[in-house]
Amino acid sequence: MKMKQADLKRRNFLKLAASGVMAAPMAGLVSTVSAEDDALPHLKEDSADAQALNYRHDATQVDHADHEEGQQCGNCLLYTDPDAQEWGPCAVFPNHLVSEGGWCTAYVPRG
């Protein structure tokens, strides 16, 4: 009888441990997603990544043949949080925030 009780305790422990192992990464993801955006630095126009795509903080200052009036990061498909004000995340520059009013050559209209 003691053996069966030990088996049940061990099984319960293993079930709880497995649940904890599966839930731990998700808990970490939830807590870092919102905090991560706030902690990201603003993309600098003089960085190599920004220069490679002719990124500018102010789309009205872009002097580029591919730019059309009205195109800016805030209405680009790659601006991953269209509700972000002033600065937001971009799929092209994942470790930085870009200006909502900015522009780069990777612009894709949000449809």
C-alpha atoms as a PDB file:
ATOM      1  CA  MET A   1       0.000   0.000   0.000  1.00  0.00           C
ATOM      2  CA  LYS A   2       2.839   2.355   0.816  1.00  0.00           C
ATOM      3  CA  MET A   3       4.251   1.701  -2.628  1.00  0.00           C
ATOM      4  CA  LYS A   4       1.019   2.818  -4.325  1.00  0.00           C
ATOM      5  CA  GLN A   5       0.877   6.035  -2.273  1.00  0.00           C
ATOM      6  CA  ALA A   6       4.476   6.786  -3.199  1.00  0.00           C
ATOM      7  CA  ASP A   7       3.682   6.195  -6.860  1.00  0.00           C
ATOM      8  CA  LEU A   8       0.701   8.569  -6.682  1.00  0.00           C
ATOM      9  CA  LYS A   9       2.767  11.261  -4.985  1.00  0.00           C
ATOM     10  CA  ARG A  10       5.496  10.867  -7.568  1.00  0.00           C
ATOM     11  CA  ARG A  11       2.973  11.042 -10.419  1.00  0.00           C
ATOM     12  CA  ASN A  12       1.378  14.168  -8.975  1.00  0.00           C
ATOM     13  CA  PHE A  13       4.806  15.723  -8.552  1.00  0.00           C
ATOM     14  CA  LEU A  14       5.742  14.901 -12.147  1.00  0.00           C
ATOM     15  CA  LYS A  15       2.474  16.358 -13.459  1.00  0.00           C
ATOM     16  CA  LEU A  16       3.029  19.580 -11.522  1.00  0.00           C
ATOM     17  CA  ALA A  17       6.658  19.784 -12.593  1.00  0.00           C
ATOM     18  CA  ALA A  18       5.753  19.270 -16.246  1.00  0.00           C
ATOM     19  CA  SER A  19       3.091  21.962 -16.040  1.00  0.00           C
ATOM     20  CA  GLY A  20       5.566  24.334 -14.455  1.00  0.00           C
ATOM     21  CA  VAL A  21       8.188  23.648 -17.098  1.00  0.00           C
ATOM     22  CA  MET A  22       5.675  24.338 -19.865  1.00  0.00           C
ATOM     23  CA  ALA A  23       4.275  27.474 -18.222  1.00  0.00           C
ATOM     24  CA  ALA A  24       7.596  29.095 -17.258  1.00  0.00           C
ATOM     25  CA  PRO A  25       8.647  30.203 -20.752  1.00  0.00           C
ATOM     26  CA  MET A  26       5.201  31.630 -21.451  1.00  0.00           C
ATOM     27  CA  ALA A  27       5.199  33.619 -18.217  1.00  0.00           C
ATOM     28  CA  GLY A  28       8.586  35.065 -19.105  1.00  0.00           C
ATOM     29  CA  LEU A  29       7.390  35.944 -22.603  1.00  0.00           C
ATOM     30  CA  VAL A  30       4.306  37.750 -21.331  1.00  0.00           C
ATOM     31  CA  SER A  31       6.290  39.811 -18.862  1.00  0.00           C
ATOM     32  CA  THR A  32       8.993  40.810 -21.348  1.00  0.00           C
ATOM     33  CA  VAL A  33       6.872  41.695 -24.380  1.00  0.00           C
ATOM     34  CA  SER A  34       5.387  44.865 -22.932  1.00  0.00           C
ATOM     35  CA  ALA A  35       8.506  45.816 -20.989  1.00  0.00           C
ATOM     36  CA  GLU A  36      10.761  45.121 -23.976  1.00  0.00           C
ATOM     37  CA  ASP A  37       9.169  47.773 -26.202  1.00  0.00           C
ATOM     38  CA  ASP A  38       9.685  50.413 -23.518  1.00  0.00           C
ATOM     39  CA  ALA A  39      13.304  49.377 -23.052  1.00  0.00           C
ATOM     40  CA  LEU A  40      14.247  49.412 -26.735  1.00  0.00           C
ATOM     41  CA  PRO A  41      16.394  52.337 -27.899  1.00  0.00           C
ATOM     42  CA  HIS A  42      15.309  54.654 -30.688  1.00  0.00           C
ATOM     43  CA  LEU A  43      16.871  53.858 -34.050  1.00  0.00           C
ATOM     44  CA  LYS A  44      19.555  56.398 -34.933  1.00  0.00           C
ATOM     45  CA  GLU A  45      19.599  57.709 -38.476  1.00  0.00           C
ATOM     46  CA  ASP A  46      23.378  57.384 -38.617  1.00  0.00           C
ATOM     47  CA  SER A  47      23.396  53.675 -37.703  1.00  0.00           C
ATOM     48  CA  ALA A  48      24.474  51.233 -40.412  1.00  0.00           C
ATOM     49  CA  ASP A  49      21.047  49.535 -40.463  1.00  0.00           C
ATOM     50  CA  ALA A  50      19.203  52.831 -40.856  1.00  0.00           C
ATOM     51  CA  GLN A  51      21.533  54.081 -43.563  1.00  0.00           C
ATOM     52  CA  ALA A  52      21.215  50.835 -45.512  1.00  0.00           C
ATOM     53  CA  LEU A  53      17.471  51.481 -45.888  1.00  0.00           C
ATOM     54  CA  ASN A  54      17.625  55.301 -46.054  1.00  0.00           C
ATOM     55  CA  TYR A  55      15.660  55.547 -42.782  1.00  0.00           C
ATOM     56  CA  ARG A  56      14.674  59.039 -41.628  1.00  0.00           C
ATOM     57  CA  HIS A  57      12.824  60.030 -38.440  1.00  0.00           C
ATOM     58  CA  ASP A  58      10.737  62.537 -40.416  1.00  0.00           C
ATOM     59  CA  ALA A  59       9.240  61.267 -43.685  1.00  0.00           C
ATOM     60  CA  THR A  60       8.658  64.832 -44.903  1.00  0.00           C
ATOM     61  CA  GLN A  61      12.432  65.285 -45.003  1.00  0.00           C
ATOM     62  CA  VAL A  62      13.036  62.257 -47.246  1.00  0.00           C
ATOM     63  CA  ASP A  63      14.644  63.120 -50.554  1.00  0.00           C
ATOM     64  CA  HIS A  64      14.312  59.786 -52.299  1.00  0.00           C
ATOM     65  CA  ALA A  65      12.697  58.780 -55.578  1.00  0.00           C
ATOM     66  CA  ASP A  66      10.861  55.802 -54.008  1.00  0.00           C
ATOM     67  CA  HIS A  67       9.088  57.904 -51.353  1.00  0.00           C
ATOM     68  CA  GLU A  68       5.531  59.057 -51.997  1.00  0.00           C
ATOM     69  CA  GLU A  69       3.693  61.687 -49.988  1.00  0.00           C
ATOM     70  CA  GLY A  70       1.798  60.197 -47.051  1.00  0.00           C
ATOM     71  CA  GLN A  71       4.085  57.192 -46.631  1.00  0.00           C
ATOM     72  CA  GLN A  72       5.389  56.909 -43.076  1.00  0.00           C
ATOM     73  CA  CYS A  73       6.205  54.226 -40.546  1.00  0.00           C
ATOM     74  CA  GLY A  74       2.866  54.630 -38.749  1.00  0.00           C
ATOM     75  CA  ASN A  75       0.940  53.407 -41.808  1.00  0.00           C
ATOM     76  CA  CYS A  76       3.489  50.774 -42.871  1.00  0.00           C
ATOM     77  CA  LEU A  77       2.703  47.065 -42.577  1.00  0.00           C
ATOM     78  CA  LEU A  78       6.102  46.496 -40.950  1.00  0.00           C
ATOM     79  CA  TYR A  79       5.293  48.885 -38.069  1.00  0.00           C
ATOM     80  CA  THR A  80       4.188  46.083 -35.778  1.00  0.00           C
ATOM     81  CA  ASP A  81       2.144  48.152 -33.320  1.00  0.00           C
ATOM     82  CA  PRO A  82      -0.038  50.560 -35.317  1.00  0.00           C
ATOM     83  CA  ASP A  83      -1.414  51.947 -32.043  1.00  0.00           C
ATOM     84  CA  ALA A  84       2.053  53.036 -30.873  1.00  0.00           C
ATOM     85  CA  GLN A  85       2.372  56.798 -30.590  1.00  0.00           C
ATOM     86  CA  GLU A  86       5.533  58.685 -31.591  1.00  0.00           C
ATOM     87  CA  TRP A  87       7.885  55.652 -31.472  1.00  0.00           C
ATOM     88  CA  GLY A  88       7.042  52.018 -32.112  1.00  0.00           C
ATOM     89  CA  PRO A  89       8.444  48.608 -33.050  1.00  0.00           C
ATOM     90  CA  CYS A  90       9.330  47.711 -36.623  1.00  0.00           C
ATOM     91  CA  ALA A  91       9.892  44.239 -38.087  1.00  0.00           C
ATOM     92  CA  VAL A  92      12.852  45.528 -40.118  1.00  0.00           C
ATOM     93  CA  PHE A  93      14.655  46.987 -37.077  1.00  0.00           C
ATOM     94  CA  PRO A  94      13.719  44.476 -34.338  1.00  0.00           C
ATOM     95  CA  ASN A  95      16.074  45.809 -31.655  1.00  0.00           C
ATOM     96  CA  HIS A  96      15.003  49.445 -31.963  1.00  0.00           C
ATOM     97  CA  LEU A  97      11.960  51.679 -32.033  1.00  0.00           C
ATOM     98  CA  VAL A  98      11.306  53.819 -35.090  1.00  0.00           C
ATOM     99  CA  SER A  99       9.537  57.146 -35.367  1.00  0.00           C
ATOM    100  CA  GLU A 100       5.852  56.874 -36.233  1.00  0.00           C
ATOM    101  CA  GLY A 101       6.404  59.702 -38.716  1.00  0.00           C
ATOM    102  CA  GLY A 102       9.577  58.151 -40.152  1.00  0.00           C
ATOM    103  CA  TRP A 103      10.214  56.319 -43.398  1.00  0.00           C
ATOM    104  CA  CYS A 104      12.620  53.836 -45.010  1.00  0.00           C
ATOM    105  CA  THR A 105      12.886  52.028 -48.337  1.00  0.00           C
ATOM    106  CA  ALA A 106      11.346  48.875 -46.845  1.00  0.00           C
ATOM    107  CA  TYR A 107       7.980  50.695 -46.614  1.00  0.00           C
ATOM    108  CA  VAL A 108       4.967  48.452 -47.361  1.00  0.00           C
ATOM    109  CA  PRO A 109       1.503  50.076 -47.290  1.00  0.00           C
ATOM    110  CA  ARG A 110      -0.808  48.740 -44.603  1.00  0.00           C
ATOM    111  CA  GLY A 111      -3.734  47.280 -46.490  1.00  0.00           C
END
